Amino acid sequence: LYKTIENTTIINVRQASSELGKLFSNAM
C-alpha cells in the first residue's frame, strides 16, 4: 500500500520492537 510513496523506508520488525521504537523516538 505504501510502495507508491517515494523516499520512504519501510521497516519490518516484531510487534514489541515497533512499540518500543516509537517510545525510543519520543524519548530521543
mmCIF file of all heavy atoms, coordinates in Angstrom:
data_MODEL
# 
_entry.id   MODEL 
# 
loop_
_atom_site.group_PDB 
_atom_site.id 
_atom_site.type_symbol 
_atom_site.label_atom_id 
_atom_site.label_alt_id 
_atom_site.label_comp_id 
_atom_site.label_asym_id 
_atom_site.label_entity_id 
_atom_site.label_seq_id 
_atom_site.pdbx_PDB_ins_code 
_atom_site.Cartn_x 
_atom_site.Cartn_y 
_atom_site.Cartn_z 
_atom_site.occupancy 
_atom_site.B_iso_or_equiv 
_atom_site.pdbx_formal_charge 
_atom_site.auth_seq_id 
_atom_site.auth_comp_id 
_atom_site.auth_asym_id 
_atom_site.auth_atom_id 
_atom_site.pdbx_PDB_model_num 
ATOM 1   N N   . LEU A 1 1  ? 0.819  -1.216  0.000  1.00 0.00 ? 1  LEU A N   1 
ATOM 2   C CA  . LEU A 1 1  ? 0.000  0.000   0.000  1.00 0.00 ? 1  LEU A CA  1 
ATOM 3   C C   . LEU A 1 1  ? 0.856  1.270   0.000  1.00 0.00 ? 1  LEU A C   1 
ATOM 4   O O   . LEU A 1 1  ? 0.399  2.327   -0.425 1.00 0.00 ? 1  LEU A O   1 
ATOM 5   C CB  . LEU A 1 1  ? -0.929 0.021   1.221  1.00 0.00 ? 1  LEU A CB  1 
ATOM 6   C CG  . LEU A 1 1  ? -1.921 -1.128  1.339  1.00 0.00 ? 1  LEU A CG  1 
ATOM 7   C CD1 . LEU A 1 1  ? -2.644 -1.068  2.682  1.00 0.00 ? 1  LEU A CD1 1 
ATOM 8   C CD2 . LEU A 1 1  ? -2.909 -1.113  0.187  1.00 0.00 ? 1  LEU A CD2 1 
ATOM 9   N N   . TYR A 1 2  ? 2.081  1.156   0.473  1.00 0.00 ? 2  TYR A N   1 
ATOM 10  C CA  . TYR A 1 2  ? 2.965  2.315   0.593  1.00 0.00 ? 2  TYR A CA  1 
ATOM 11  C C   . TYR A 1 2  ? 4.034  2.382   -0.500 1.00 0.00 ? 2  TYR A C   1 
ATOM 12  O O   . TYR A 1 2  ? 4.858  3.283   -0.505 1.00 0.00 ? 2  TYR A O   1 
ATOM 13  C CB  . TYR A 1 2  ? 3.659  2.296   1.961  1.00 0.00 ? 2  TYR A CB  1 
ATOM 14  C CG  . TYR A 1 2  ? 2.714  2.557   3.104  1.00 0.00 ? 2  TYR A CG  1 
ATOM 15  C CD1 . TYR A 1 2  ? 2.177  1.512   3.832  1.00 0.00 ? 2  TYR A CD1 1 
ATOM 16  C CD2 . TYR A 1 2  ? 2.362  3.857   3.455  1.00 0.00 ? 2  TYR A CD2 1 
ATOM 17  C CE1 . TYR A 1 2  ? 1.307  1.745   4.889  1.00 0.00 ? 2  TYR A CE1 1 
ATOM 18  C CE2 . TYR A 1 2  ? 1.492  4.105   4.509  1.00 0.00 ? 2  TYR A CE2 1 
ATOM 19  C CZ  . TYR A 1 2  ? 0.976  3.045   5.219  1.00 0.00 ? 2  TYR A CZ  1 
ATOM 20  O OH  . TYR A 1 2  ? 0.110  3.283   6.261  1.00 0.00 ? 2  TYR A OH  1 
ATOM 21  N N   . LYS A 1 3  ? 4.029  1.434   -1.429 1.00 0.00 ? 3  LYS A N   1 
ATOM 22  C CA  . LYS A 1 3  ? 5.071  1.373   -2.466 1.00 0.00 ? 3  LYS A CA  1 
ATOM 23  C C   . LYS A 1 3  ? 5.134  2.627   -3.333 1.00 0.00 ? 3  LYS A C   1 
ATOM 24  O O   . LYS A 1 3  ? 6.186  2.966   -3.853 1.00 0.00 ? 3  LYS A O   1 
ATOM 25  C CB  . LYS A 1 3  ? 4.865  0.146   -3.362 1.00 0.00 ? 3  LYS A CB  1 
ATOM 26  C CG  . LYS A 1 3  ? 5.084  -1.166  -2.655 1.00 0.00 ? 3  LYS A CG  1 
ATOM 27  C CD  . LYS A 1 3  ? 6.541  -1.469  -2.474 1.00 0.00 ? 3  LYS A CD  1 
ATOM 28  C CE  . LYS A 1 3  ? 6.675  -2.871  -1.919 1.00 0.00 ? 3  LYS A CE  1 
ATOM 29  N NZ  . LYS A 1 3  ? 7.927  -3.149  -1.327 1.00 0.00 ? 3  LYS A NZ  1 
ATOM 30  N N   . THR A 1 4  ? 4.019  3.323   -3.490 1.00 0.00 ? 4  THR A N   1 
ATOM 31  C CA  . THR A 1 4  ? 3.994  4.491   -4.379 1.00 0.00 ? 4  THR A CA  1 
ATOM 32  C C   . THR A 1 4  ? 4.572  5.745   -3.728 1.00 0.00 ? 4  THR A C   1 
ATOM 33  O O   . THR A 1 4  ? 4.809  6.731   -4.410 1.00 0.00 ? 4  THR A O   1 
ATOM 34  C CB  . THR A 1 4  ? 2.553  4.797   -4.843 1.00 0.00 ? 4  THR A CB  1 
ATOM 35  O OG1 . THR A 1 4  ? 1.744  5.072   -3.689 1.00 0.00 ? 4  THR A OG1 1 
ATOM 36  C CG2 . THR A 1 4  ? 1.979  3.622   -5.607 1.00 0.00 ? 4  THR A CG2 1 
ATOM 37  N N   . ILE A 1 5  ? 4.803  5.712   -2.426 1.00 0.00 ? 5  ILE A N   1 
ATOM 38  C CA  . ILE A 1 5  ? 5.368  6.885   -1.744 1.00 0.00 ? 5  ILE A CA  1 
ATOM 39  C C   . ILE A 1 5  ? 6.876  6.867   -1.930 1.00 0.00 ? 5  ILE A C   1 
ATOM 40  O O   . ILE A 1 5  ? 7.561  5.934   -1.518 1.00 0.00 ? 5  ILE A O   1 
ATOM 41  C CB  . ILE A 1 5  ? 4.999  6.891   -0.248 1.00 0.00 ? 5  ILE A CB  1 
ATOM 42  C CG1 . ILE A 1 5  ? 3.485  6.904   -0.072 1.00 0.00 ? 5  ILE A CG1 1 
ATOM 43  C CG2 . ILE A 1 5  ? 5.622  8.090   0.449  1.00 0.00 ? 5  ILE A CG2 1 
ATOM 44  C CD1 . ILE A 1 5  ? 3.034  6.801   1.358  1.00 0.00 ? 5  ILE A CD1 1 
ATOM 45  N N   . GLU A 1 6  ? 7.390  7.923   -2.542 1.00 0.00 ? 6  GLU A N   1 
ATOM 46  C CA  . GLU A 1 6  ? 8.828  7.998   -2.814 1.00 0.00 ? 6  GLU A CA  1 
ATOM 47  C C   . GLU A 1 6  ? 9.595  8.402   -1.562 1.00 0.00 ? 6  GLU A C   1 
ATOM 48  O O   . GLU A 1 6  ? 9.076  9.077   -0.677 1.00 0.00 ? 6  GLU A O   1 
ATOM 49  C CB  . GLU A 1 6  ? 9.088  9.018   -3.927 1.00 0.00 ? 6  GLU A CB  1 
ATOM 50  C CG  . GLU A 1 6  ? 8.501  8.602   -5.258 1.00 0.00 ? 6  GLU A CG  1 
ATOM 51  C CD  . GLU A 1 6  ? 8.768  9.615   -6.344 1.00 0.00 ? 6  GLU A CD  1 
ATOM 52  O OE1 . GLU A 1 6  ? 9.591  10.517  -6.144 1.00 0.00 ? 6  GLU A OE1 1 
ATOM 53  O OE2 . GLU A 1 6  ? 8.141  9.496   -7.402 1.00 0.00 ? 6  GLU A OE2 1 
ATOM 54  N N   . ASN A 1 7  ? 10.858 8.012   -1.509 1.00 0.00 ? 7  ASN A N   1 
ATOM 55  C CA  . ASN A 1 7  ? 11.772 8.379   -0.433 1.00 0.00 ? 7  ASN A CA  1 
ATOM 56  C C   . ASN A 1 7  ? 11.268 7.944   0.947  1.00 0.00 ? 7  ASN A C   1 
ATOM 57  O O   . ASN A 1 7  ? 11.452 8.665   1.924  1.00 0.00 ? 7  ASN A O   1 
ATOM 58  C CB  . ASN A 1 7  ? 12.047 9.887   -0.438 1.00 0.00 ? 7  ASN A CB  1 
ATOM 59  C CG  . ASN A 1 7  ? 12.630 10.343  -1.756 1.00 0.00 ? 7  ASN A CG  1 
ATOM 60  O OD1 . ASN A 1 7  ? 13.469 9.671   -2.338 1.00 0.00 ? 7  ASN A OD1 1 
ATOM 61  N ND2 . ASN A 1 7  ? 12.165 11.471  -2.248 1.00 0.00 ? 7  ASN A ND2 1 
ATOM 62  N N   . THR A 1 8  ? 10.625 6.804   0.994  1.00 0.00 ? 8  THR A N   1 
ATOM 63  C CA  . THR A 1 8  ? 10.128 6.268   2.259  1.00 0.00 ? 8  THR A CA  1 
ATOM 64  C C   . THR A 1 8  ? 10.775 4.918   2.518  1.00 0.00 ? 8  THR A C   1 
ATOM 65  O O   . THR A 1 8  ? 10.795 4.058   1.641  1.00 0.00 ? 8  THR A O   1 
ATOM 66  C CB  . THR A 1 8  ? 8.591  6.104   2.215  1.00 0.00 ? 8  THR A CB  1 
ATOM 67  O OG1 . THR A 1 8  ? 8.000  7.377   2.012  1.00 0.00 ? 8  THR A OG1 1 
ATOM 68  C CG2 . THR A 1 8  ? 8.067  5.509   3.503  1.00 0.00 ? 8  THR A CG2 1 
ATOM 69  N N   . THR A 1 9  ? 11.302 4.765   3.694  1.00 0.00 ? 9  THR A N   1 
ATOM 70  C CA  . THR A 1 9  ? 11.888 3.492   4.103  1.00 0.00 ? 9  THR A CA  1 
ATOM 71  C C   . THR A 1 9  ? 10.819 2.680   4.817  1.00 0.00 ? 9  THR A C   1 
ATOM 72  O O   . THR A 1 9  ? 10.176 3.175   5.739  1.00 0.00 ? 9  THR A O   1 
ATOM 73  C CB  . THR A 1 9  ? 13.074 3.731   5.051  1.00 0.00 ? 9  THR A CB  1 
ATOM 74  O OG1 . THR A 1 9  ? 14.036 4.543   4.386  1.00 0.00 ? 9  THR A OG1 1 
ATOM 75  C CG2 . THR A 1 9  ? 13.708 2.416   5.472  1.00 0.00 ? 9  THR A CG2 1 
ATOM 76  N N   . ILE A 1 10 ? 10.624 1.450   4.378  1.00 0.00 ? 10 ILE A N   1 
ATOM 77  C CA  . ILE A 1 10 ? 9.664  0.555   5.017  1.00 0.00 ? 10 ILE A CA  1 
ATOM 78  C C   . ILE A 1 10 ? 10.451 -0.484  5.807  1.00 0.00 ? 10 ILE A C   1 
ATOM 79  O O   . ILE A 1 10 ? 11.313 -1.173  5.258  1.00 0.00 ? 10 ILE A O   1 
ATOM 80  C CB  . ILE A 1 10 ? 8.745  -0.121  3.972  1.00 0.00 ? 10 ILE A CB  1 
ATOM 81  C CG1 . ILE A 1 10 ? 7.945  0.943   3.214  1.00 0.00 ? 10 ILE A CG1 1 
ATOM 82  C CG2 . ILE A 1 10 ? 7.818  -1.113  4.653  1.00 0.00 ? 10 ILE A CG2 1 
ATOM 83  C CD1 . ILE A 1 10 ? 7.105  0.404   2.077  1.00 0.00 ? 10 ILE A CD1 1 
ATOM 84  N N   . ILE A 1 11 ? 10.167 -0.549  7.106  1.00 0.00 ? 11 ILE A N   1 
ATOM 85  C CA  . ILE A 1 11 ? 10.925 -1.390  8.019  1.00 0.00 ? 11 ILE A CA  1 
ATOM 86  C C   . ILE A 1 11 ? 9.999  -2.433  8.635  1.00 0.00 ? 11 ILE A C   1 
ATOM 87  O O   . ILE A 1 11 ? 8.931  -2.087  9.134  1.00 0.00 ? 11 ILE A O   1 
ATOM 88  C CB  . ILE A 1 11 ? 11.554 -0.539  9.136  1.00 0.00 ? 11 ILE A CB  1 
ATOM 89  C CG1 . ILE A 1 11 ? 12.418 0.582   8.533  1.00 0.00 ? 11 ILE A CG1 1 
ATOM 90  C CG2 . ILE A 1 11 ? 12.361 -1.400  10.103 1.00 0.00 ? 11 ILE A CG2 1 
ATOM 91  C CD1 . ILE A 1 11 ? 12.778 1.670   9.509  1.00 0.00 ? 11 ILE A CD1 1 
ATOM 92  N N   . ASN A 1 12 ? 10.415 -3.696  8.613  1.00 0.00 ? 12 ASN A N   1 
ATOM 93  C CA  . ASN A 1 12 ? 9.640  -4.762  9.253  1.00 0.00 ? 12 ASN A CA  1 
ATOM 94  C C   . ASN A 1 12 ? 10.385 -5.241  10.483 1.00 0.00 ? 12 ASN A C   1 
ATOM 95  O O   . ASN A 1 12 ? 11.543 -5.621  10.416 1.00 0.00 ? 12 ASN A O   1 
ATOM 96  C CB  . ASN A 1 12 ? 9.415  -5.910  8.266  1.00 0.00 ? 12 ASN A CB  1 
ATOM 97  C CG  . ASN A 1 12 ? 8.508  -6.997  8.819  1.00 0.00 ? 12 ASN A CG  1 
ATOM 98  O OD1 . ASN A 1 12 ? 8.703  -8.164  8.546  1.00 0.00 ? 12 ASN A OD1 1 
ATOM 99  N ND2 . ASN A 1 12 ? 7.505  -6.634  9.577  1.00 0.00 ? 12 ASN A ND2 1 
ATOM 100 N N   . VAL A 1 13 ? 9.698  -5.167  11.618 1.00 0.00 ? 13 VAL A N   1 
ATOM 101 C CA  . VAL A 1 13 ? 10.249 -5.632  12.886 1.00 0.00 ? 13 VAL A CA  1 
ATOM 102 C C   . VAL A 1 13 ? 9.159  -6.410  13.621 1.00 0.00 ? 13 VAL A C   1 
ATOM 103 O O   . VAL A 1 13 ? 8.019  -6.465  13.174 1.00 0.00 ? 13 VAL A O   1 
ATOM 104 C CB  . VAL A 1 13 ? 10.739 -4.454  13.766 1.00 0.00 ? 13 VAL A CB  1 
ATOM 105 C CG1 . VAL A 1 13 ? 11.896 -3.726  13.110 1.00 0.00 ? 13 VAL A CG1 1 
ATOM 106 C CG2 . VAL A 1 13 ? 9.601  -3.485  14.054 1.00 0.00 ? 13 VAL A CG2 1 
ATOM 107 N N   . ARG A 1 14 ? 9.506  -6.987  14.748 1.00 0.00 ? 14 ARG A N   1 
ATOM 108 C CA  . ARG A 1 14 ? 8.494  -7.629  15.586 1.00 0.00 ? 14 ARG A CA  1 
ATOM 109 C C   . ARG A 1 14 ? 7.611  -6.567  16.234 1.00 0.00 ? 14 ARG A C   1 
ATOM 110 O O   . ARG A 1 14 ? 8.005  -5.413  16.351 1.00 0.00 ? 14 ARG A O   1 
ATOM 111 C CB  . ARG A 1 14 ? 9.166  -8.477  16.664 1.00 0.00 ? 14 ARG A CB  1 
ATOM 112 C CG  . ARG A 1 14 ? 9.801  -9.711  16.081 1.00 0.00 ? 14 ARG A CG  1 
ATOM 113 C CD  . ARG A 1 14 ? 10.337 -10.585 17.182 1.00 0.00 ? 14 ARG A CD  1 
ATOM 114 N NE  . ARG A 1 14 ? 11.752 -10.760 16.897 1.00 0.00 ? 14 ARG A NE  1 
ATOM 115 C CZ  . ARG A 1 14 ? 12.664 -11.039 17.797 1.00 0.00 ? 14 ARG A CZ  1 
ATOM 116 N NH1 . ARG A 1 14 ? 12.345 -11.160 19.053 1.00 0.00 ? 14 ARG A NH1 1 
ATOM 117 N NH2 . ARG A 1 14 ? 13.906 -11.207 17.443 1.00 0.00 ? 14 ARG A NH2 1 
ATOM 118 N N   . GLN A 1 15 ? 6.431  -6.967  16.690 1.00 0.00 ? 15 GLN A N   1 
ATOM 119 C CA  . GLN A 1 15 ? 5.478  -6.013  17.258 1.00 0.00 ? 15 GLN A CA  1 
ATOM 120 C C   . GLN A 1 15 ? 6.073  -5.254  18.444 1.00 0.00 ? 15 GLN A C   1 
ATOM 121 O O   . GLN A 1 15 ? 5.951  -4.029  18.527 1.00 0.00 ? 15 GLN A O   1 
ATOM 122 C CB  . GLN A 1 15 ? 4.185  -6.710  17.703 1.00 0.00 ? 15 GLN A CB  1 
ATOM 123 C CG  . GLN A 1 15 ? 3.422  -7.344  16.569 1.00 0.00 ? 15 GLN A CG  1 
ATOM 124 C CD  . GLN A 1 15 ? 3.171  -8.807  16.845 1.00 0.00 ? 15 GLN A CD  1 
ATOM 125 O OE1 . GLN A 1 15 ? 4.085  -9.553  17.165 1.00 0.00 ? 15 GLN A OE1 1 
ATOM 126 N NE2 . GLN A 1 15 ? 1.920  -9.231  16.723 1.00 0.00 ? 15 GLN A NE2 1 
ATOM 127 N N   . ALA A 1 16 ? 6.720  -5.954  19.358 1.00 0.00 ? 16 ALA A N   1 
ATOM 128 C CA  . ALA A 1 16 ? 7.286  -5.299  20.541 1.00 0.00 ? 16 ALA A CA  1 
ATOM 129 C C   . ALA A 1 16 ? 8.354  -4.284  20.136 1.00 0.00 ? 16 ALA A C   1 
ATOM 130 O O   . ALA A 1 16 ? 8.451  -3.203  20.724 1.00 0.00 ? 16 ALA A O   1 
ATOM 131 C CB  . ALA A 1 16 ? 7.861  -6.332  21.500 1.00 0.00 ? 16 ALA A CB  1 
ATOM 132 N N   . SER A 1 17 ? 9.143  -4.609  19.127 1.00 0.00 ? 17 SER A N   1 
ATOM 133 C CA  . SER A 1 17 ? 10.175 -3.682  18.653 1.00 0.00 ? 17 SER A CA  1 
ATOM 134 C C   . SER A 1 17 ? 9.544  -2.433  18.061 1.00 0.00 ? 17 SER A C   1 
ATOM 135 O O   . SER A 1 17 ? 10.054 -1.322  18.238 1.00 0.00 ? 17 SER A O   1 
ATOM 136 C CB  . SER A 1 17 ? 11.054 -4.357  17.605 1.00 0.00 ? 17 SER A CB  1 
ATOM 137 O OG  . SER A 1 17 ? 11.728 -5.459  18.169 1.00 0.00 ? 17 SER A OG  1 
ATOM 138 N N   . SER A 1 18 ? 8.440  -2.592  17.370 1.00 0.00 ? 18 SER A N   1 
ATOM 139 C CA  . SER A 1 18 ? 7.729  -1.457  16.803 1.00 0.00 ? 18 SER A CA  1 
ATOM 140 C C   . SER A 1 18 ? 7.184  -0.558  17.913 1.00 0.00 ? 18 SER A C   1 
ATOM 141 O O   . SER A 1 18 ? 7.328  0.658   17.864 1.00 0.00 ? 18 SER A O   1 
ATOM 142 C CB  . SER A 1 18 ? 6.587  -1.957  15.912 1.00 0.00 ? 18 SER A CB  1 
ATOM 143 O OG  . SER A 1 18 ? 5.854  -0.879  15.396 1.00 0.00 ? 18 SER A OG  1 
ATOM 144 N N   . GLU A 1 19 ? 6.566  -1.174  18.910 1.00 0.00 ? 19 GLU A N   1 
ATOM 145 C CA  . GLU A 1 19 ? 6.022  -0.405  20.031 1.00 0.00 ? 19 GLU A CA  1 
ATOM 146 C C   . GLU A 1 19 ? 7.134  0.333   20.770 1.00 0.00 ? 19 GLU A C   1 
ATOM 147 O O   . GLU A 1 19 ? 7.011  1.513   21.092 1.00 0.00 ? 19 GLU A O   1 
ATOM 148 C CB  . GLU A 1 19 ? 5.264  -1.327  20.988 1.00 0.00 ? 19 GLU A CB  1 
ATOM 149 C CG  . GLU A 1 19 ? 4.019  -1.934  20.392 1.00 0.00 ? 19 GLU A CG  1 
ATOM 150 C CD  . GLU A 1 19 ? 3.435  -3.089  21.183 1.00 0.00 ? 19 GLU A CD  1 
ATOM 151 O OE1 . GLU A 1 19 ? 4.102  -3.612  22.105 1.00 0.00 ? 19 GLU A OE1 1 
ATOM 152 O OE2 . GLU A 1 19 ? 2.290  -3.473  20.882 1.00 0.00 ? 19 GLU A OE2 1 
ATOM 153 N N   . LEU A 1 20 ? 8.236  -0.350  21.020 1.00 0.00 ? 20 LEU A N   1 
ATOM 154 C CA  . LEU A 1 20 ? 9.352  0.244   21.739 1.00 0.00 ? 20 LEU A CA  1 
ATOM 155 C C   . LEU A 1 20 ? 10.066 1.298   20.896 1.00 0.00 ? 20 LEU A C   1 
ATOM 156 O O   . LEU A 1 20 ? 10.504 2.328   21.417 1.00 0.00 ? 20 LEU A O   1 
ATOM 157 C CB  . LEU A 1 20 ? 10.335 -0.846  22.169 1.00 0.00 ? 20 LEU A CB  1 
ATOM 158 C CG  . LEU A 1 20 ? 11.424 -0.449  23.149 1.00 0.00 ? 20 LEU A CG  1 
ATOM 159 C CD1 . LEU A 1 20 ? 10.817 0.118   24.425 1.00 0.00 ? 20 LEU A CD1 1 
ATOM 160 C CD2 . LEU A 1 20 ? 12.293 -1.650  23.478 1.00 0.00 ? 20 LEU A CD2 1 
ATOM 161 N N   . GLY A 1 21 ? 10.162 1.076   19.604 1.00 0.00 ? 21 GLY A N   1 
ATOM 162 C CA  . GLY A 1 21 ? 10.809 2.041   18.714 1.00 0.00 ? 21 GLY A CA  1 
ATOM 163 C C   . GLY A 1 21 ? 10.140 3.398   18.750 1.00 0.00 ? 21 GLY A C   1 
ATOM 164 O O   . GLY A 1 21 ? 10.805 4.441   18.715 1.00 0.00 ? 21 GLY A O   1 
ATOM 165 N N   . LYS A 1 22 ? 8.824  3.414   18.820 1.00 0.00 ? 22 LYS A N   1 
ATOM 166 C CA  . LYS A 1 22 ? 8.092  4.683   18.900 1.00 0.00 ? 22 LYS A CA  1 
ATOM 167 C C   . LYS A 1 22 ? 8.413  5.390   20.211 1.00 0.00 ? 22 LYS A C   1 
ATOM 168 O O   . LYS A 1 22 ? 8.639  6.604   20.240 1.00 0.00 ? 22 LYS A O   1 
ATOM 169 C CB  . LYS A 1 22 ? 6.586  4.416   18.763 1.00 0.00 ? 22 LYS A CB  1 
ATOM 170 C CG  . LYS A 1 22 ? 5.731  5.634   18.968 1.00 0.00 ? 22 LYS A CG  1 
ATOM 171 C CD  . LYS A 1 22 ? 6.021  6.731   17.964 1.00 0.00 ? 22 LYS A CD  1 
ATOM 172 C CE  . LYS A 1 22 ? 5.140  7.919   18.271 1.00 0.00 ? 22 LYS A CE  1 
ATOM 173 N NZ  . LYS A 1 22 ? 4.964  8.839   17.228 1.00 0.00 ? 22 LYS A NZ  1 
ATOM 174 N N   . LEU A 1 23 ? 8.477  4.643   21.310 1.00 0.00 ? 23 LEU A N   1 
ATOM 175 C CA  . LEU A 1 23 ? 8.829  5.248   22.593 1.00 0.00 ? 23 LEU A CA  1 
ATOM 176 C C   . LEU A 1 23 ? 10.259 5.782   22.574 1.00 0.00 ? 23 LEU A C   1 
ATOM 177 O O   . LEU A 1 23 ? 10.539 6.854   23.109 1.00 0.00 ? 23 LEU A O   1 
ATOM 178 C CB  . LEU A 1 23 ? 8.640  4.239   23.720 1.00 0.00 ? 23 LEU A CB  1 
ATOM 179 C CG  . LEU A 1 23 ? 7.198  3.781   23.961 1.00 0.00 ? 23 LEU A CG  1 
ATOM 180 C CD1 . LEU A 1 23 ? 7.152  2.688   25.019 1.00 0.00 ? 23 LEU A CD1 1 
ATOM 181 C CD2 . LEU A 1 23 ? 6.328  4.944   24.363 1.00 0.00 ? 23 LEU A CD2 1 
ATOM 182 N N   . PHE A 1 24 ? 11.183 5.029   21.947 1.00 0.00 ? 24 PHE A N   1 
ATOM 183 C CA  . PHE A 1 24 ? 12.561 5.500   21.809 1.00 0.00 ? 24 PHE A CA  1 
ATOM 184 C C   . PHE A 1 24 ? 12.611 6.805   21.017 1.00 0.00 ? 24 PHE A C   1 
ATOM 185 O O   . PHE A 1 24 ? 13.333 7.730   21.359 1.00 0.00 ? 24 PHE A O   1 
ATOM 186 C CB  . PHE A 1 24 ? 13.435 4.456   21.113 1.00 0.00 ? 24 PHE A CB  1 
ATOM 187 C CG  . PHE A 1 24 ? 13.885 3.326   21.977 1.00 0.00 ? 24 PHE A CG  1 
ATOM 188 C CD1 . PHE A 1 24 ? 14.411 2.193   21.395 1.00 0.00 ? 24 PHE A CD1 1 
ATOM 189 C CD2 . PHE A 1 24 ? 13.793 3.369   23.354 1.00 0.00 ? 24 PHE A CD2 1 
ATOM 190 C CE1 . PHE A 1 24 ? 14.840 1.113   22.179 1.00 0.00 ? 24 PHE A CE1 1 
ATOM 191 C CE2 . PHE A 1 24 ? 14.216 2.308   24.148 1.00 0.00 ? 24 PHE A CE2 1 
ATOM 192 C CZ  . PHE A 1 24 ? 14.754 1.184   23.553 1.00 0.00 ? 24 PHE A CZ  1 
ATOM 193 N N   . SER A 1 25 ? 11.855 6.855   19.934 1.00 0.00 ? 25 SER A N   1 
ATOM 194 C CA  . SER A 1 25 ? 11.817 8.056   19.102 1.00 0.00 ? 25 SER A CA  1 
ATOM 195 C C   . SER A 1 25 ? 11.329 9.258   19.903 1.00 0.00 ? 25 SER A C   1 
ATOM 196 O O   . SER A 1 25 ? 11.912 10.353  19.827 1.00 0.00 ? 25 SER A O   1 
ATOM 197 C CB  . SER A 1 25 ? 10.908 7.817   17.888 1.00 0.00 ? 25 SER A CB  1 
ATOM 198 O OG  . SER A 1 25 ? 10.813 8.969   17.101 1.00 0.00 ? 25 SER A OG  1 
ATOM 199 N N   . ASN A 1 26 ? 10.269 9.068   20.676 1.00 0.00 ? 26 ASN A N   1 
ATOM 200 C CA  . ASN A 1 26 ? 9.754  10.154  21.517 1.00 0.00 ? 26 ASN A CA  1 
ATOM 201 C C   . ASN A 1 26 ? 10.776 10.569  22.570 1.00 0.00 ? 26 ASN A C   1 
ATOM 202 O O   . ASN A 1 26 ? 10.954 11.761  22.842 1.00 0.00 ? 26 ASN A O   1 
ATOM 203 C CB  . ASN A 1 26 ? 8.453  9.730   22.194 1.00 0.00 ? 26 ASN A CB  1 
ATOM 204 C CG  . ASN A 1 26 ? 7.287  9.657   21.232 1.00 0.00 ? 26 ASN A CG  1 
ATOM 205 O OD1 . ASN A 1 26 ? 7.388  10.051  20.082 1.00 0.00 ? 26 ASN A OD1 1 
ATOM 206 N ND2 . ASN A 1 26 ? 6.179  9.111   21.696 1.00 0.00 ? 26 ASN A ND2 1 
ATOM 207 N N   . ALA A 1 27 ? 11.463 9.596   23.158 1.00 0.00 ? 27 ALA A N   1 
ATOM 208 C CA  . ALA A 1 27 ? 12.466 9.898   24.180 1.00 0.00 ? 27 ALA A CA  1 
ATOM 209 C C   . ALA A 1 27 ? 13.639 10.674  23.581 1.00 0.00 ? 27 ALA A C   1 
ATOM 210 O O   . ALA A 1 27 ? 14.145 11.626  24.199 1.00 0.00 ? 27 ALA A O   1 
ATOM 211 C CB  . ALA A 1 27 ? 12.963 8.609   24.832 1.00 0.00 ? 27 ALA A CB  1 
ATOM 212 N N   . MET A 1 28 ? 14.060 10.288  22.374 1.00 0.00 ? 28 MET A N   1 
ATOM 213 C CA  . MET A 1 28 ? 15.168 11.000  21.721 1.00 0.00 ? 28 MET A CA  1 
ATOM 214 C C   . MET A 1 28 ? 14.783 12.443  21.419 1.00 0.00 ? 28 MET A C   1 
ATOM 215 O O   . MET A 1 28 ? 15.587 13.367  21.611 1.00 0.00 ? 28 MET A O   1 
ATOM 216 C CB  . MET A 1 28 ? 15.582 10.270  20.435 1.00 0.00 ? 28 MET A CB  1 
ATOM 217 C CG  . MET A 1 28 ? 16.230 8.928   20.675 1.00 0.00 ? 28 MET A CG  1 
ATOM 218 S SD  . MET A 1 28 ? 17.821 9.055   21.519 1.00 0.00 ? 28 MET A SD  1 
ATOM 219 C CE  . MET A 1 28 ? 18.784 9.901   20.292 1.00 0.00 ? 28 MET A CE  1 
# 
